[in-house]
Amino acid sequence: MSTVKGYSHEITGPGEFEIGGVFITGVQTDGSGKKAAADKPRNTLFVFDYMGITVAHLGDLRSVPTQAEIEALGTVHVALVPVGGGSGLNAAKAAEVVSLLEPNIVIPMHFYSQEAKVQLDKLDKFMKEMGLHEAETMPTLKVSKSSLPDETKVIVLDYQRE
């Protein structure tokens, strides 16, 4: 990638890693380990822990994780959750995952936009499942332990063109 500068490291599957002071846990969620069918997509959830803040990127998660998979993630402060269907969770399953993880902040991803090249549901479908009318929209998000909300909050990051 031409936009990424400096040192890079590729993580291609589950496990525990430490890179530059960031602790990373990858949890595979296809439920069938190494014997996954060739036609069944594999997904690895990644939790990044830096200075006590944990961020979970759920990737193209297609189904609600098992209790063991949820426990393997540990405490999640910020969760990036696919919410628009397609190759990821639909709105109802995404809301169920949020209730299991109980993050402080949810950042929805993989939902309809004019720029999307695949058919996805609109964000308001997820918001309705969460019992919310509107999400807070921000260009960037900076978090610290002291700035984490007590109740789960949905924050939509502004779309940025390259």
Protein backbone atom coordinates (compact mmCIF):
# COMPACT_ATOMS: atom_id res chain seq x y z
CA MET A 1 0.00 0.00 0.00
CA SER A 2 1.34 3.38 -0.93
CA THR A 3 -0.54 5.14 1.90
CA VAL A 4 1.08 3.13 4.70
CA LYS A 5 4.48 4.42 5.73
CA GLY A 6 7.15 2.92 7.94
CA TYR A 7 7.39 -0.59 9.30
CA SER A 8 4.67 -3.09 8.40
CA HIS A 9 3.89 -6.60 9.60
CA GLU A 10 1.33 -8.94 8.09
CA ILE A 11 -0.77 -11.13 10.38
CA THR A 12 -2.57 -13.81 8.41
CA GLY A 13 -4.45 -15.79 11.01
CA PRO A 14 -5.31 -16.47 14.63
CA GLY A 15 -2.79 -16.31 17.48
CA GLU A 16 -1.20 -13.89 19.91
CA PHE A 17 1.27 -11.28 18.74
CA GLU A 18 3.15 -8.27 20.06
CA ILE A 19 4.25 -5.66 17.57
CA GLY A 20 5.66 -2.30 18.61
CA GLY A 21 4.05 -2.36 22.06
CA VAL A 22 0.65 -3.37 20.68
CA PHE A 23 -0.69 -6.73 21.83
CA ILE A 24 -2.82 -8.44 19.19
CA THR A 25 -5.09 -11.45 19.67
CA GLY A 26 -6.56 -13.15 16.61
CA VAL A 27 -9.53 -15.47 17.17
CA GLN A 28 -10.80 -17.61 14.28
CA THR A 29 -14.59 -17.71 14.14
CA ASP A 30 -15.59 -20.16 11.44
CA GLY A 31 -16.16 -22.75 14.16
CA SER A 32 -14.40 -25.57 12.36
CA GLY A 33 -10.72 -24.85 12.92
CA LYS A 34 -8.24 -26.08 10.32
CA LYS A 35 -10.76 -28.48 8.80
CA ALA A 36 -12.94 -25.72 7.36
CA ALA A 37 -14.55 -26.58 4.05
CA ALA A 38 -12.77 -25.06 1.08
CA ASP A 39 -15.93 -23.17 0.08
CA LYS A 40 -16.59 -21.82 3.59
CA PRO A 41 -15.05 -18.39 4.19
CA ARG A 42 -12.77 -18.08 7.18
CA ASN A 43 -12.78 -15.06 9.43
CA THR A 44 -10.40 -13.97 12.16
CA LEU A 45 -11.44 -11.37 14.71
CA PHE A 46 -8.56 -9.22 15.90
CA VAL A 47 -8.31 -7.42 19.23
CA PHE A 48 -5.62 -4.76 19.53
CA ASP A 49 -4.56 -3.78 23.05
CA TYR A 50 -2.51 -0.61 23.34
CA MET A 51 -1.97 1.12 26.65
CA GLY A 52 -5.03 -0.55 28.17
CA ILE A 53 -7.48 0.36 25.39
CA THR A 54 -8.78 -2.62 23.42
CA VAL A 55 -10.12 -2.35 19.89
CA ALA A 56 -11.81 -5.35 18.24
CA HIS A 57 -12.06 -5.51 14.45
CA LEU A 58 -14.62 -8.17 13.58
CA GLY A 59 -13.73 -8.37 9.88
CA ASP A 60 -16.33 -10.14 7.72
CA LEU A 61 -17.95 -11.91 10.66
CA ARG A 62 -20.99 -13.79 9.30
CA SER A 63 -22.49 -15.34 12.42
CA VAL A 64 -22.70 -14.66 16.13
CA PRO A 65 -19.52 -15.94 17.81
CA THR A 66 -19.69 -18.74 20.35
CA GLN A 67 -19.38 -17.97 24.05
CA ALA A 68 -15.82 -19.37 23.97
CA GLU A 69 -14.90 -17.06 21.08
CA ILE A 70 -16.40 -14.05 22.90
CA GLU A 71 -14.46 -14.94 26.06
CA ALA A 72 -11.23 -15.29 24.03
CA LEU A 73 -11.60 -11.66 22.95
CA GLY A 74 -11.61 -10.42 26.55
CA THR A 75 -12.77 -6.92 27.41
CA VAL A 76 -13.55 -4.84 24.32
CA HIS A 77 -13.64 -1.05 24.61
CA VAL A 78 -14.13 -0.23 20.91
CA ALA A 79 -15.73 -2.66 18.44
CA LEU A 80 -15.72 -2.28 14.66
CA VAL A 81 -18.75 -4.32 13.64
CA PRO A 82 -20.07 -5.24 10.16
CA VAL A 83 -23.77 -4.30 10.16
CA GLY A 84 -25.07 -4.27 6.58
CA GLY A 85 -25.35 -7.92 5.58
CA GLY A 86 -23.63 -8.94 2.35
CA SER A 87 -20.52 -10.86 3.40
CA GLY A 88 -20.90 -9.76 7.04
CA LEU A 89 -23.46 -9.67 9.82
CA ASN A 90 -26.95 -8.34 9.16
CA ALA A 91 -28.37 -5.66 11.46
CA ALA A 92 -30.06 -8.05 13.91
CA LYS A 93 -27.02 -10.30 14.32
CA ALA A 94 -24.74 -7.26 14.62
CA ALA A 95 -26.90 -5.92 17.47
CA GLU A 96 -26.73 -9.35 19.14
CA VAL A 97 -22.93 -9.36 18.89
CA VAL A 98 -22.81 -5.87 20.40
CA SER A 99 -24.93 -7.07 23.34
CA LEU A 100 -22.53 -9.99 23.90
CA LEU A 101 -19.35 -7.89 23.67
CA GLU A 102 -20.73 -4.92 25.64
CA PRO A 103 -18.19 -2.46 24.20
CA ASN A 104 -18.08 1.18 25.26
CA ILE A 105 -18.03 2.31 21.62
CA VAL A 106 -19.38 0.64 18.48
CA ILE A 107 -18.12 1.73 15.08
CA PRO A 108 -20.40 0.27 12.40
CA MET A 109 -18.79 -0.81 9.13
CA HIS A 110 -19.79 -2.59 5.92
CA PHE A 111 -23.11 -0.79 5.41
CA TYR A 112 -24.71 0.92 2.39
CA SER A 113 -23.11 4.03 0.98
CA GLN A 114 -23.15 5.55 -2.50
CA GLU A 115 -19.55 4.40 -2.91
CA ALA A 116 -20.21 0.75 -1.93
CA LYS A 117 -19.69 -1.66 -4.79
CA VAL A 118 -21.79 -4.41 -3.16
CA GLN A 119 -25.44 -4.52 -2.07
CA LEU A 120 -25.61 -3.70 1.65
CA ASP A 121 -28.33 -2.60 4.07
CA LYS A 122 -28.48 1.01 5.24
CA LEU A 123 -27.09 2.03 8.64
CA ASP A 124 -30.53 2.99 9.98
CA LYS A 125 -31.55 -0.69 9.99
CA PHE A 126 -28.76 -1.42 12.51
CA MET A 127 -29.58 1.70 14.51
CA LYS A 128 -33.21 0.54 14.81
CA GLU A 129 -32.02 -2.90 16.04
CA MET A 130 -29.91 -1.08 18.65
CA GLY A 131 -32.97 0.93 19.74
CA LEU A 132 -31.35 4.18 18.62
CA HIS A 133 -32.50 6.91 16.24
CA GLU A 134 -29.20 8.54 15.31
CA ALA A 135 -25.52 7.82 15.62
CA GLU A 136 -22.91 10.42 16.36
CA THR A 137 -20.78 11.10 13.28
CA MET A 138 -17.13 12.09 13.60
CA PRO A 139 -14.22 12.60 11.18
CA THR A 140 -11.82 10.83 13.57
CA LEU A 141 -12.00 9.15 16.94
CA LYS A 142 -9.55 9.54 19.78
CA VAL A 143 -10.13 7.54 22.95
CA SER A 144 -8.54 7.26 26.34
CA LYS A 145 -9.58 5.27 29.39
CA SER A 146 -11.08 8.40 30.93
CA SER A 147 -13.07 9.32 27.80
CA LEU A 148 -14.85 5.96 27.40
CA PRO A 149 -18.63 6.27 27.84
CA ASP A 150 -20.33 4.16 30.52
CA GLU A 151 -23.18 3.15 28.18
CA THR A 152 -22.52 1.64 24.74
CA LYS A 153 -22.36 4.46 22.19
CA VAL A 154 -22.52 4.14 18.38
CA ILE A 155 -20.12 6.39 16.48
CA VAL A 156 -20.00 6.55 12.70
CA LEU A 157 -16.72 7.64 11.19
CA ASP A 158 -16.97 9.97 8.19
CA TYR A 159 -16.23 8.37 4.84
CA GLN A 160 -12.84 9.51 3.54
CA ARG A 161 -11.94 9.34 -0.15
CA GLU A 162 -8.31 8.69 -0.94
